[in-house]
Protein backbone atom coordinates (compact mmCIF):
# COMPACT_ATOMS: atom_id res chain seq x y z
CA SER A 1 145.56 236.53 157.09
CA ALA A 2 142.85 237.06 159.67
CA GLY A 3 143.13 235.64 163.17
CA VAL A 4 140.50 233.59 164.98
CA CYS A 5 138.51 236.73 165.81
CA GLY A 6 138.60 237.99 162.23
CA VAL A 7 141.04 240.82 162.87
CA SER A 8 143.96 240.73 160.49
CA GLY A 9 147.31 241.46 162.10
CA VAL A 10 146.08 243.70 164.89
CA ALA A 11 148.01 243.03 168.08
CA GLY A 12 146.12 243.72 171.27
CA ALA A 13 142.68 243.55 169.65
CA CYS A 14 141.86 240.13 171.07
CA GLY A 15 144.16 239.68 174.01
CA VAL A 16 147.41 239.56 172.06
CA SER A 17 149.95 241.45 174.12
CA GLY A 18 152.64 243.48 172.42
CA THR A 19 153.16 244.19 168.77
CA SER A 20 155.59 241.45 167.88
CA GLY A 21 156.40 237.93 168.89
CA GLY A 22 154.65 234.59 168.75
CA ALA A 23 151.07 233.74 167.90
CA GLY A 24 148.48 235.00 170.36
CA ALA A 25 144.81 234.47 171.11
CA CYS A 26 143.76 235.48 167.59
CA GLY A 27 146.44 233.55 165.77
CA VAL A 28 148.33 236.76 165.03
CA SER A 29 151.95 235.82 164.55
CA GLY A 30 154.50 238.60 164.63
CA ALA A 31 151.90 241.31 163.98
CA SER A 32 154.24 242.96 161.48
CA GLY A 33 153.40 246.49 160.50
CA ILE A 34 151.46 247.27 163.68
CA THR A 35 152.82 250.11 165.82
CA ALA A 36 151.46 251.24 169.19
CA ARG A 37 151.29 255.03 168.84
CA ALA A 38 149.75 255.76 172.24
CA THR A 39 148.76 253.49 175.09
CA THR A 40 147.72 254.15 178.67
CA THR A 41 146.97 251.49 181.27
CA GLU A 42 144.88 251.89 184.40
CA LEU A 43 144.74 255.68 184.57
CA GLU A 44 142.72 256.62 187.65
CA LEU A 45 140.16 259.32 186.79
CA THR A 46 140.60 261.65 189.75
CA ALA A 47 138.17 264.32 188.49
CA THR A 48 134.68 264.40 187.02
CA THR A 49 135.73 266.36 183.93
CA ALA A 50 136.78 264.87 180.59
CA THR A 51 140.24 263.28 180.81
CA THR A 52 142.43 262.47 177.82
CA VAL A 53 143.54 258.86 178.24
CA ALA A 54 145.37 258.42 174.92
CA THR A 55 146.28 260.83 172.12
CA TYR A 56 148.43 260.73 169.01
CA THR A 57 148.97 263.19 166.16
CA PRO A 58 149.92 261.37 162.96
CA GLY A 59 152.66 262.80 160.76
CA SER A 60 150.93 261.33 157.71
CA ALA A 61 147.45 260.06 156.93
CA GLY A 62 146.82 256.44 157.73
CA ASN A 63 144.73 253.69 159.25
CA PHE A 64 144.49 253.37 163.02
CA TRP A 65 142.91 250.90 165.46
CA ILE A 66 141.33 252.26 168.66
CA GLY A 67 140.76 250.15 171.76
CA ALA A 68 139.36 251.00 175.20
CA TYR A 69 138.86 249.24 178.53
CA PHE A 70 137.87 250.44 181.99
CA ARG A 71 137.12 249.32 185.53
CA VAL A 72 134.60 250.76 187.94
CA VAL A 73 135.57 250.26 191.60
CA THR A 74 133.64 250.51 194.90
CA ALA A 75 130.33 251.95 193.55
CA ALA A 76 128.49 252.48 190.29
CA THR A 77 129.22 255.69 188.39
CA VAL A 78 128.28 257.35 185.12
CA VAL A 79 130.85 256.88 182.33
CA THR A 80 131.30 258.61 178.97
CA ILE A 81 133.94 257.65 176.40
CA THR A 82 134.58 259.58 173.18
CA VAL A 83 137.07 259.29 170.34
CA THR A 84 137.84 262.29 168.15
CA TRP A 85 139.93 262.56 164.97
CA THR A 86 139.95 264.25 161.57
CA ASP A 87 139.64 262.48 158.24
CA VAL A 88 139.43 263.86 154.69
CA THR A 89 135.81 264.93 155.25
CA GLY A 90 136.57 266.86 158.48
CA ALA A 91 136.33 266.46 162.25
CA GLN A 92 134.84 263.20 163.52
CA THR A 93 133.54 262.14 166.94
CA VAL A 94 132.37 258.71 168.06
CA THR A 95 130.79 258.39 171.48
CA LEU A 96 131.39 254.83 172.64
CA ILE A 97 129.47 255.25 175.91
CA SER A 98 127.29 258.29 176.59
CA ALA A 99 126.62 259.06 180.27
CA VAL A 100 125.72 255.47 181.16
CA SER A 101 125.66 254.35 184.79
CA GLU A 102 128.08 251.42 185.03
CA ALA A 103 128.13 248.99 187.96
CA THR A 104 131.37 247.92 189.61
CA GLY A 105 133.30 245.62 187.30
CA SER A 106 135.54 245.51 184.25
CA TYR A 107 134.45 246.54 180.76
CA ALA A 108 136.18 245.78 177.44
CA LEU A 109 134.89 247.69 174.43
CA MET A 110 135.02 246.45 170.85
CA GLY A 111 137.93 248.06 169.01
CA PHE A 112 137.40 249.81 165.68
CA ALA A 113 139.32 251.21 162.72
CA ILE A 114 139.56 254.81 161.54
CA ASN A 115 141.45 256.66 158.84
CA SER A 116 143.00 259.84 160.14
CA ALA A 117 144.42 262.85 158.32
CA SER A 118 147.95 264.07 158.88
CA GLY A 119 148.61 266.64 161.62
CA SER A 120 145.33 266.31 163.54
CA ALA A 121 145.15 264.55 166.90
CA ILE A 122 143.38 261.27 167.51
CA THR A 123 142.11 261.46 171.09
CA VAL A 124 140.40 259.00 173.44
CA THR A 125 138.63 260.78 176.30
CA PHE A 126 136.93 259.34 179.39
CA THR A 127 134.62 261.12 181.82
CA ALA A 128 133.56 259.62 185.16
CA GLY A 129 130.57 260.83 187.16
CA THR A 130 132.40 260.18 190.43
CA ALA A 131 136.08 260.90 191.03
CA ASN A 132 138.39 257.98 191.87
CA GLN A 133 135.85 255.33 190.78
CA VAL A 134 137.11 254.57 187.26
CA TYR A 135 140.44 253.26 185.96
CA ALA A 136 140.74 253.84 182.21
CA SER A 137 142.92 252.17 179.59
CA ALA A 138 143.14 252.98 175.88
CA SER A 139 145.39 252.33 172.89
CA ILE A 140 145.87 253.86 169.47
CA LEU A 141 147.61 251.48 167.06
CA GLN A 142 148.71 252.18 163.50
CA ALA A 143 148.56 249.59 160.74
């Protein structure tokens, strides 16, 4: 059944920490069948080139939930976030933020579902316009 935010059984999508346990902010209880495949918290982007924040290569095709969050510290900087994967039609790329100047603060992005083919990486990449100004977090969950 769906939780308060309309996400069925997805831990972490609405502030539910972990992948098992009691009911959380969305009413998700136990979150059975959800597995965190890759998660990174507060990775400081020390360069201005694309940085892989989370990646996972599935051993079999399946459904995955992608989430991203970041903080900009001290001064505004340009941020780009992309997610890449392969499904049955071929390589896919979604650009969540494309070279947007972000002010200091914290930013939570809406998570989304994908279906990924076996043997091809799912990758969440961040790029910051200024080194040491962005702390990136991302998760790849499997349903």
